[in-house]
Amino acid sequence: MSEGMNRFLGDTPGRVLLKLIVVSLVVGVVMSTFDWSPMDILYGVENFVRRIWNLGFGAIERFAAYFILGAVVVIPCFIILRLLSYRR
């Protein structure tokens, strides 16, 4: 069982715990230095996803506007050309 646990964790549980404590301390100091909180990070990720989402739908909206603008010219021309060629 101990060998399976070591393989899963990548090292002995004590050493993994010590590494996690050290990394947590360093990350805590850095976050405190920049005055960040875990909620700031979550809000930042949420804001990033929301901006990407809106950017994507903005691109679809622009595509639809270009499509409709072109269709207003192309479809009547197509119908007129088809009617003219139908008479022949």
PDB file of N, CA and C in Angstrom:
ATOM      1  N   MET A   1       0.827  -1.192   0.000  1.00  0.00           N
ATOM      2  CA  MET A   1       0.000   0.000   0.000  1.00  0.00           C
ATOM      3  C   MET A   1       0.869   1.252   0.000  1.00  0.00           C
ATOM      4  N   SER A   2       1.952   1.235   0.777  1.00  0.00           N
ATOM      5  CA  SER A   2       2.839   2.379   0.872  1.00  0.00           C
ATOM      6  C   SER A   2       3.514   2.654  -0.475  1.00  0.00           C
ATOM      7  N   GLU A   3       3.888   1.595  -1.176  1.00  0.00           N
ATOM      8  CA  GLU A   3       4.528   1.763  -2.488  1.00  0.00           C
ATOM      9  C   GLU A   3       3.552   2.391  -3.487  1.00  0.00           C
ATOM     10  N   GLY A   4       2.302   1.983  -3.436  1.00  0.00           N
ATOM     11  CA  GLY A   4       1.283   2.573  -4.311  1.00  0.00           C
ATOM     12  C   GLY A   4       1.054   4.044  -3.988  1.00  0.00           C
ATOM     13  N   MET A   5       1.058   4.374  -2.699  1.00  0.00           N
ATOM     14  CA  MET A   5       0.875   5.763  -2.276  1.00  0.00           C
ATOM     15  C   MET A   5       2.057   6.610  -2.749  1.00  0.00           C
ATOM     16  N   ASN A   6       3.275   6.098  -2.602  1.00  0.00           N
ATOM     17  CA  ASN A   6       4.462   6.823  -3.048  1.00  0.00           C
ATOM     18  C   ASN A   6       4.437   7.044  -4.563  1.00  0.00           C
ATOM     19  N   ARG A   7       4.016   6.023  -5.296  1.00  0.00           N
ATOM     20  CA  ARG A   7       3.937   6.153  -6.740  1.00  0.00           C
ATOM     21  C   ARG A   7       2.884   7.193  -7.130  1.00  0.00           C
ATOM     22  N   PHE A   8       1.768   7.196  -6.437  1.00  0.00           N
ATOM     23  CA  PHE A   8       0.693   8.155  -6.718  1.00  0.00           C
ATOM     24  C   PHE A   8       1.137   9.583  -6.426  1.00  0.00           C
ATOM     25  N   LEU A   9       1.789   9.804  -5.281  1.00  0.00           N
ATOM     26  CA  LEU A   9       2.212  11.145  -4.881  1.00  0.00           C
ATOM     27  C   LEU A   9       3.494  11.580  -5.577  1.00  0.00           C
ATOM     28  N   GLY A  10       4.300  10.637  -6.037  1.00  0.00           N
ATOM     29  CA  GLY A  10       5.566  10.974  -6.664  1.00  0.00           C
ATOM     30  C   GLY A  10       6.720  10.993  -5.691  1.00  0.00           C
ATOM     31  N   ASP A  11       6.458  10.823  -4.406  1.00  0.00           N
ATOM     32  CA  ASP A  11       7.480  10.809  -3.365  1.00  0.00           C
ATOM     33  C   ASP A  11       6.801  10.311  -2.095  1.00  0.00           C
ATOM     34  N   THR A  12       7.521  10.308  -0.997  1.00  0.00           N
ATOM     35  CA  THR A  12       6.915   9.892   0.261  1.00  0.00           C
ATOM     36  C   THR A  12       5.930  10.967   0.725  1.00  0.00           C
ATOM     37  N   PRO A  13       4.899  10.583   1.455  1.00  0.00           N
ATOM     38  CA  PRO A  13       3.913  11.568   1.902  1.00  0.00           C
ATOM     39  C   PRO A  13       4.524  12.713   2.705  1.00  0.00           C
ATOM     40  N   GLY A  14       5.521  12.442   3.535  1.00  0.00           N
ATOM     41  CA  GLY A  14       6.160  13.487   4.333  1.00  0.00           C
ATOM     42  C   GLY A  14       6.870  14.515   3.467  1.00  0.00           C
ATOM     43  N   ARG A  15       7.608  14.036   2.470  1.00  0.00           N
ATOM     44  CA  ARG A  15       8.331  14.957   1.587  1.00  0.00           C
ATOM     45  C   ARG A  15       7.363  15.760   0.731  1.00  0.00           C
ATOM     46  N   VAL A  16       6.289  15.119   0.273  1.00  0.00           N
ATOM     47  CA  VAL A  16       5.282  15.833  -0.519  1.00  0.00           C
ATOM     48  C   VAL A  16       4.630  16.918   0.334  1.00  0.00           C
ATOM     49  N   LEU A  17       4.315  16.588   1.585  1.00  0.00           N
ATOM     50  CA  LEU A  17       3.714  17.561   2.486  1.00  0.00           C
ATOM     51  C   LEU A  17       4.663  18.740   2.711  1.00  0.00           C
ATOM     52  N   LEU A  18       5.943  18.470   2.905  1.00  0.00           N
ATOM     53  CA  LEU A  18       6.923  19.530   3.100  1.00  0.00           C
ATOM     54  C   LEU A  18       7.030  20.421   1.857  1.00  0.00           C
ATOM     55  N   LYS A  19       7.046  19.814   0.667  1.00  0.00           N
ATOM     56  CA  LYS A  19       7.099  20.586  -0.575  1.00  0.00           C
ATOM     57  C   LYS A  19       5.852  21.460  -0.720  1.00  0.00           C
ATOM     58  N   LEU A  20       4.682  20.914  -0.412  1.00  0.00           N
ATOM     59  CA  LEU A  20       3.443  21.679  -0.508  1.00  0.00           C
ATOM     60  C   LEU A  20       3.434  22.853   0.463  1.00  0.00           C
ATOM     61  N   ILE A  21       3.966  22.649   1.657  1.00  0.00           N
ATOM     62  CA  ILE A  21       4.033  23.736   2.641  1.00  0.00           C
ATOM     63  C   ILE A  21       4.938  24.854   2.131  1.00  0.00           C
ATOM     64  N   VAL A  22       6.111  24.498   1.600  1.00  0.00           N
ATOM     65  CA  VAL A  22       7.053  25.503   1.107  1.00  0.00           C
ATOM     66  C   VAL A  22       6.467  26.263  -0.082  1.00  0.00           C
ATOM     67  N   VAL A  23       5.885  25.542  -1.032  1.00  0.00           N
ATOM     68  CA  VAL A  23       5.306  26.201  -2.207  1.00  0.00           C
ATOM     69  C   VAL A  23       4.133  27.084  -1.791  1.00  0.00           C
ATOM     70  N   SER A  24       3.305  26.629  -0.863  1.00  0.00           N
ATOM     71  CA  SER A  24       2.185  27.432  -0.385  1.00  0.00           C
ATOM     72  C   SER A  24       2.668  28.707   0.277  1.00  0.00           C
ATOM     73  N   LEU A  25       3.743  28.623   1.047  1.00  0.00           N
ATOM     74  CA  LEU A  25       4.305  29.806   1.692  1.00  0.00           C
ATOM     75  C   LEU A  25       4.817  30.804   0.659  1.00  0.00           C
ATOM     76  N   VAL A  26       5.536  30.320  -0.349  1.00  0.00           N
ATOM     77  CA  VAL A  26       6.070  31.206  -1.390  1.00  0.00           C
ATOM     78  C   VAL A  26       4.926  31.858  -2.169  1.00  0.00           C
ATOM     79  N   VAL A  27       3.927  31.078  -2.547  1.00  0.00           N
ATOM     80  CA  VAL A  27       2.784  31.621  -3.284  1.00  0.00           C
ATOM     81  C   VAL A  27       2.029  32.631  -2.423  1.00  0.00           C
ATOM     82  N   GLY A  28       1.879  32.347  -1.150  1.00  0.00           N
ATOM     83  CA  GLY A  28       1.223  33.278  -0.246  1.00  0.00           C
ATOM     84  C   GLY A  28       1.958  34.600  -0.132  1.00  0.00           C
ATOM     85  N   VAL A  29       3.289  34.558  -0.066  1.00  0.00           N
ATOM     86  CA  VAL A  29       4.081  35.777   0.010  1.00  0.00           C
ATOM     87  C   VAL A  29       3.944  36.584  -1.285  1.00  0.00           C
ATOM     88  N   VAL A  30       4.014  35.909  -2.417  1.00  0.00           N
ATOM     89  CA  VAL A  30       3.881  36.600  -3.701  1.00  0.00           C
ATOM     90  C   VAL A  30       2.501  37.230  -3.825  1.00  0.00           C
ATOM     91  N   MET A  31       1.460  36.477  -3.476  1.00  0.00           N
ATOM     92  CA  MET A  31       0.099  37.008  -3.575  1.00  0.00           C
ATOM     93  C   MET A  31      -0.093  38.176  -2.618  1.00  0.00           C
ATOM     94  N   SER A  32       0.489  38.107  -1.444  1.00  0.00           N
ATOM     95  CA  SER A  32       0.389  39.199  -0.492  1.00  0.00           C
ATOM     96  C   SER A  32       1.135  40.433  -0.990  1.00  0.00           C
ATOM     97  N   THR A  33       2.264  40.217  -1.638  1.00  0.00           N
ATOM     98  CA  THR A  33       3.048  41.327  -2.186  1.00  0.00           C
ATOM     99  C   THR A  33       2.250  42.090  -3.242  1.00  0.00           C
ATOM    100  N   PHE A  34       1.568  41.365  -4.111  1.00  0.00           N
ATOM    101  CA  PHE A  34       0.780  42.005  -5.167  1.00  0.00           C
ATOM    102  C   PHE A  34      -0.641  42.330  -4.720  1.00  0.00           C
ATOM    103  N   ASP A  35      -0.949  42.077  -3.450  1.00  0.00           N
ATOM    104  CA  ASP A  35      -2.273  42.346  -2.886  1.00  0.00           C
ATOM    105  C   ASP A  35      -3.367  41.609  -3.656  1.00  0.00           C
ATOM    106  N   TRP A  36      -3.107  40.339  -3.945  1.00  0.00           N
ATOM    107  CA  TRP A  36      -4.081  39.500  -4.626  1.00  0.00           C
ATOM    108  C   TRP A  36      -4.765  38.616  -3.599  1.00  0.00           C
ATOM    109  N   SER A  37      -6.001  38.268  -3.883  1.00  0.00           N
ATOM    110  CA  SER A  37      -6.701  37.282  -3.063  1.00  0.00           C
ATOM    111  C   SER A  37      -7.166  36.167  -3.997  1.00  0.00           C
ATOM    112  N   PRO A  38      -7.512  35.028  -3.439  1.00  0.00           N
ATOM    113  CA  PRO A  38      -8.026  33.957  -4.299  1.00  0.00           C
ATOM    114  C   PRO A  38      -9.267  34.393  -5.087  1.00  0.00           C
ATOM    115  N   MET A  39     -10.094  35.249  -4.510  1.00  0.00           N
ATOM    116  CA  MET A  39     -11.281  35.723  -5.233  1.00  0.00           C
ATOM    117  C   MET A  39     -10.885  36.617  -6.395  1.00  0.00           C
ATOM    118  N   ASP A  40      -9.811  37.387  -6.259  1.00  0.00           N
ATOM    119  CA  ASP A  40      -9.324  38.199  -7.380  1.00  0.00           C
ATOM    120  C   ASP A  40      -8.949  37.313  -8.559  1.00  0.00           C
ATOM    121  N   ILE A  41      -8.323  36.191  -8.268  1.00  0.00           N
ATOM    122  CA  ILE A  41      -7.934  35.265  -9.321  1.00  0.00           C
ATOM    123  C   ILE A  41      -9.182  34.677  -9.977  1.00  0.00           C
ATOM    124  N   LEU A  42     -10.160  34.276  -9.177  1.00  0.00           N
ATOM    125  CA  LEU A  42     -11.398  33.732  -9.741  1.00  0.00           C
ATOM    126  C   LEU A  42     -12.134  34.775 -10.566  1.00  0.00           C
ATOM    127  N   TYR A  43     -12.194  36.014 -10.078  1.00  0.00           N
ATOM    128  CA  TYR A  43     -12.843  37.079 -10.841  1.00  0.00           C
ATOM    129  C   TYR A  43     -12.079  37.356 -12.135  1.00  0.00           C
ATOM    130  N   GLY A  44     -10.761  37.286 -12.075  1.00  0.00           N
ATOM    131  CA  GLY A  44      -9.951  37.490 -13.276  1.00  0.00           C
ATOM    132  C   GLY A  44     -10.216  36.415 -14.319  1.00  0.00           C
ATOM    133  N   VAL A  45     -10.305  35.171 -13.882  1.00  0.00           N
ATOM    134  CA  VAL A  45     -10.603  34.077 -14.809  1.00  0.00           C
ATOM    135  C   VAL A  45     -12.009  34.243 -15.378  1.00  0.00           C
ATOM    136  N   GLU A  46     -12.954  34.586 -14.518  1.00  0.00           N
ATOM    137  CA  GLU A  46     -14.326  34.799 -14.978  1.00  0.00           C
ATOM    138  C   GLU A  46     -14.384  35.940 -15.988  1.00  0.00           C
ATOM    139  N   ASN A  47     -13.694  37.030 -15.712  1.00  0.00           N
ATOM    140  CA  ASN A  47     -13.667  38.173 -16.620  1.00  0.00           C
ATOM    141  C   ASN A  47     -13.035  37.786 -17.953  1.00  0.00           C
ATOM    142  N   PHE A  48     -11.950  37.010 -17.906  1.00  0.00           N
ATOM    143  CA  PHE A  48     -11.279  36.555 -19.121  1.00  0.00           C
ATOM    144  C   PHE A  48     -12.217  35.710 -19.977  1.00  0.00           C
ATOM    145  N   VAL A  49     -12.903  34.750 -19.360  1.00  0.00           N
ATOM    146  CA  VAL A  49     -13.827  33.882 -20.094  1.00  0.00           C
ATOM    147  C   VAL A  49     -14.976  34.703 -20.665  1.00  0.00           C
ATOM    148  N   ARG A  50     -15.482  35.636 -19.878  1.00  0.00           N
ATOM    149  CA  ARG A  50     -16.586  36.480 -20.350  1.00  0.00           C
ATOM    150  C   ARG A  50     -16.160  37.331 -21.541  1.00  0.00           C
ATOM    151  N   ARG A  51     -14.942  37.891 -21.506  1.00  0.00           N
ATOM    152  CA  ARG A  51     -14.468  38.703 -22.621  1.00  0.00           C
ATOM    153  C   ARG A  51     -14.262  37.868 -23.878  1.00  0.00           C
ATOM    154  N   ILE A  52     -13.730  36.666 -23.719  1.00  0.00           N
ATOM    155  CA  ILE A  52     -13.568  35.770 -24.872  1.00  0.00           C
ATOM    156  C   ILE A  52     -14.936  35.406 -25.430  1.00  0.00           C
ATOM    157  N   TRP A  53     -15.886  35.109 -24.546  1.00  0.00           N
ATOM    158  CA  TRP A  53     -17.245  34.759 -24.955  1.00  0.00           C
ATOM    159  C   TRP A  53     -17.863  35.915 -25.745  1.00  0.00           C
ATOM    160  N   ASN A  54     -17.777  37.109 -25.212  1.00  0.00           N
ATOM    161  CA  ASN A  54     -18.349  38.269 -25.893  1.00  0.00           C
ATOM    162  C   ASN A  54     -17.627  38.568 -27.199  1.00  0.00           C
ATOM    163  N   LEU A  55     -16.323  38.372 -27.208  1.00  0.00           N
ATOM    164  CA  LEU A  55     -15.566  38.577 -28.425  1.00  0.00           C
ATOM    165  C   LEU A  55     -16.026  37.610 -29.502  1.00  0.00           C
ATOM    166  N   GLY A  56     -16.282  36.371 -29.124  1.00  0.00           N
ATOM    167  CA  GLY A  56     -16.740  35.368 -30.082  1.00  0.00           C
ATOM    168  C   GLY A  56     -18.088  35.733 -30.670  1.00  0.00           C
ATOM    169  N   PHE A  57     -19.011  36.151 -29.829  1.00  0.00           N
ATOM    170  CA  PHE A  57     -20.320  36.507 -30.330  1.00  0.00           C
ATOM    171  C   PHE A  57     -20.276  37.832 -31.077  1.00  0.00           C
ATOM    172  N   GLY A  58     -19.361  38.710 -30.740  1.00  0.00           N
ATOM    173  CA  GLY A  58     -19.182  39.934 -31.502  1.00  0.00           C
ATOM    174  C   GLY A  58     -18.728  39.619 -32.919  1.00  0.00           C
ATOM    175  N   ALA A  59     -17.845  38.624 -33.053  1.00  0.00           N
ATOM    176  CA  ALA A  59     -17.382  38.212 -34.381  1.00  0.00           C
ATOM    177  C   ALA A  59     -18.536  37.613 -35.182  1.00  0.00           C
ATOM    178  N   ILE A  60     -19.377  36.824 -34.531  1.00  0.00           N
ATOM    179  CA  ILE A  60     -20.540  36.248 -35.222  1.00  0.00           C
ATOM    180  C   ILE A  60     -21.498  37.353 -35.646  1.00  0.00           C
ATOM    181  N   GLU A  61     -21.669  38.339 -34.783  1.00  0.00           N
ATOM    182  CA  GLU A  61     -22.552  39.459 -35.110  1.00  0.00           C
ATOM    183  C   GLU A  61     -22.019  40.242 -36.305  1.00  0.00           C
ATOM    184  N   ARG A  62     -20.706  40.484 -36.343  1.00  0.00           N
ATOM    185  CA  ARG A  62     -20.114  41.181 -37.492  1.00  0.00           C
ATOM    186  C   ARG A  62     -20.252  40.356 -38.764  1.00  0.00           C
ATOM    187  N   PHE A  63     -20.040  39.037 -38.655  1.00  0.00           N
ATOM    188  CA  PHE A  63     -20.187  38.149 -39.801  1.00  0.00           C
ATOM    189  C   PHE A  63     -21.616  38.206 -40.331  1.00  0.00           C
ATOM    190  N   ALA A  64     -22.592  38.155 -39.438  1.00  0.00           N
ATOM    191  CA  ALA A  64     -23.996  38.207 -39.858  1.00  0.00           C
ATOM    192  C   ALA A  64     -24.309  39.549 -40.517  1.00  0.00           C
ATOM    193  N   ALA A  65     -23.767  40.638 -39.998  1.00  0.00           N
ATOM    194  CA  ALA A  65     -24.006  41.956 -40.595  1.00  0.00           C
ATOM    195  C   ALA A  65     -23.425  42.013 -42.001  1.00  0.00           C
ATOM    196  N   TYR A  66     -22.210  41.497 -42.206  1.00  0.00           N
ATOM    197  CA  TYR A  66     -21.610  41.479 -43.532  1.00  0.00           C
ATOM    198  C   TYR A  66     -22.421  40.593 -44.475  1.00  0.00           C
ATOM    199  N   PHE A  67     -22.859  39.456 -43.966  1.00  0.00           N
ATOM    200  CA  PHE A  67     -23.640  38.529 -44.774  1.00  0.00           C
ATOM    201  C   PHE A  67     -24.947  39.176 -45.239  1.00  0.00           C
ATOM    202  N   ILE A  68     -25.655  39.812 -44.338  1.00  0.00           N
ATOM    203  CA  ILE A  68     -26.932  40.454 -44.692  1.00  0.00           C
ATOM    204  C   ILE A  68     -26.692  41.608 -45.656  1.00  0.00           C
ATOM    205  N   LEU A  69     -25.652  42.384 -45.413  1.00  0.00           N
ATOM    206  CA  LEU A  69     -25.334  43.493 -46.306  1.00  0.00           C
ATOM    207  C   LEU A  69     -25.056  42.992 -47.720  1.00  0.00           C
ATOM    208  N   GLY A  70     -24.310  41.930 -47.841  1.00  0.00           N
ATOM    209  CA  GLY A  70     -24.028  41.356 -49.166  1.00  0.00           C
ATOM    210  C   GLY A  70     -25.255  40.711 -49.775  1.00  0.00           C
ATOM    211  N   ALA A  71     -26.061  40.057 -48.958  1.00  0.00           N
ATOM    212  CA  ALA A  71     -27.251  39.371 -49.466  1.00  0.00           C
ATOM    213  C   ALA A  71     -28.261  40.362 -50.026  1.00  0.00           C
ATOM    214  N   VAL A  72     -28.320  41.555 -49.464  1.00  0.00           N
ATOM    215  CA  VAL A  72     -29.255  42.579 -49.954  1.00  0.00           C
ATOM    216  C   VAL A  72     -28.927  42.929 -51.409  1.00  0.00           C
ATOM    217  N   VAL A  73     -27.676  42.824 -51.806  1.00  0.00           N
ATOM    218  CA  VAL A  73     -27.277  43.134 -53.177  1.00  0.00           C
ATOM    219  C   VAL A  73     -27.276  41.874 -54.041  1.00  0.00           C
ATOM    220  N   VAL A  74     -26.731  40.789 -53.533  1.00  0.00           N
ATOM    221  CA  VAL A  74     -26.513  39.586 -54.336  1.00  0.00           C
ATOM    222  C   VAL A  74     -27.823  38.873 -54.679  1.00  0.00           C
ATOM    223  N   ILE A  75     -28.721  38.712 -53.739  1.00  0.00           N
ATOM    224  CA  ILE A  75     -29.934  37.934 -53.990  1.00  0.00           C
ATOM    225  C   ILE A  75     -30.835  38.599 -55.033  1.00  0.00           C
ATOM    226  N   PRO A  76     -31.100  39.903 -54.970  1.00  0.00           N
ATOM    227  CA  PRO A  76     -31.891  40.499 -56.057  1.00  0.00           C
ATOM    228  C   PRO A  76     -31.193  40.382 -57.426  1.00  0.00           C
ATOM    229  N   CYS A  77     -29.866  40.549 -57.451  1.00  0.00           N
ATOM    230  CA  CYS A  77     -29.142  40.375 -58.714  1.00  0.00           C
ATOM    231  C   CYS A  77     -29.272  38.947 -59.227  1.00  0.00           C
ATOM    232  N   PHE A  78     -29.172  37.977 -58.331  1.00  0.00           N
ATOM    233  CA  PHE A  78     -29.312  36.575 -58.716  1.00  0.00           C
ATOM    234  C   PHE A  78     -30.698  36.311 -59.286  1.00  0.00           C
ATOM    235  N   ILE A  79     -31.722  36.830 -58.628  1.00  0.00           N
ATOM    236  CA  ILE A  79     -33.096  36.615 -59.096  1.00  0.00           C
ATOM    237  C   ILE A  79     -33.294  37.266 -60.458  1.00  0.00           C
ATOM    238  N   ILE A  80     -32.783  38.462 -60.630  1.00  0.00           N
ATOM    239  CA  ILE A  80     -32.917  39.149 -61.923  1.00  0.00           C
ATOM    240  C   ILE A  80     -32.190  38.368 -63.016  1.00  0.00           C
ATOM    241  N   LEU A  81     -30.980  37.923 -62.744  1.00  0.00           N
ATOM    242  CA  LEU A  81     -30.235  37.143 -63.737  1.00  0.00           C
ATOM    243  C   LEU A  81     -30.933  35.829 -64.062  1.00  0.00           C
ATOM    244  N   ARG A  82     -31.497  35.173 -63.071  1.00  0.00           N
ATOM    245  CA  ARG A  82     -32.217  33.923 -63.317  1.00  0.00           C
ATOM    246  C   ARG A  82     -33.468  34.174 -64.155  1.00  0.00           C
ATOM    247  N   LEU A  83     -34.178  35.255 -63.876  1.00  0.00           N
ATOM    248  CA  LEU A  83     -35.376  35.579 -64.669  1.00  0.00           C
ATOM    249  C   LEU A  83     -34.995  35.896 -66.113  1.00  0.00           C
ATOM    250  N   LEU A  84     -33.887  36.637 -66.316  1.00  0.00           N
ATOM    251  CA  LEU A  84     -33.460  36.967 -67.660  1.00  0.00           C
ATOM    252  C   LEU A  84     -33.006  35.727 -68.430  1.00  0.00           C
ATOM    253  N   SER A  85     -32.331  34.802 -67.766  1.00  0.00           N
ATOM    254  CA  SER A  85     -31.876  33.590 -68.453  1.00  0.00           C
ATOM    255  C   SER A  85     -33.022  32.591 -68.623  1.00  0.00           C
ATOM    256  N   TYR A  86     -34.062  32.688 -67.849  1.00  0.00           N
ATOM    257  CA  TYR A  86     -35.219  31.792 -67.942  1.00  0.00           C
ATOM    258  C   TYR A  86     -36.001  32.076 -69.216  1.00  0.00           C
ATOM    259  N   ARG A  87     -36.018  33.315 -69.658  1.00  0.00           N
ATOM    260  CA  ARG A  87     -36.783  33.704 -70.839  1.00  0.00           C
ATOM    261  C   ARG A  87     -36.146  33.142 -72.102  1.00  0.00           C
ATOM    262  N   ARG A  88     -34.874  32.884 -72.099  1.00  0.00           N
ATOM    263  CA  ARG A  88     -34.211  32.368 -73.315  1.00  0.00           C
ATOM    264  C   ARG A  88     -34.584  30.996 -73.588  1.00  0.00           C
TER     265      ARG A  88
END
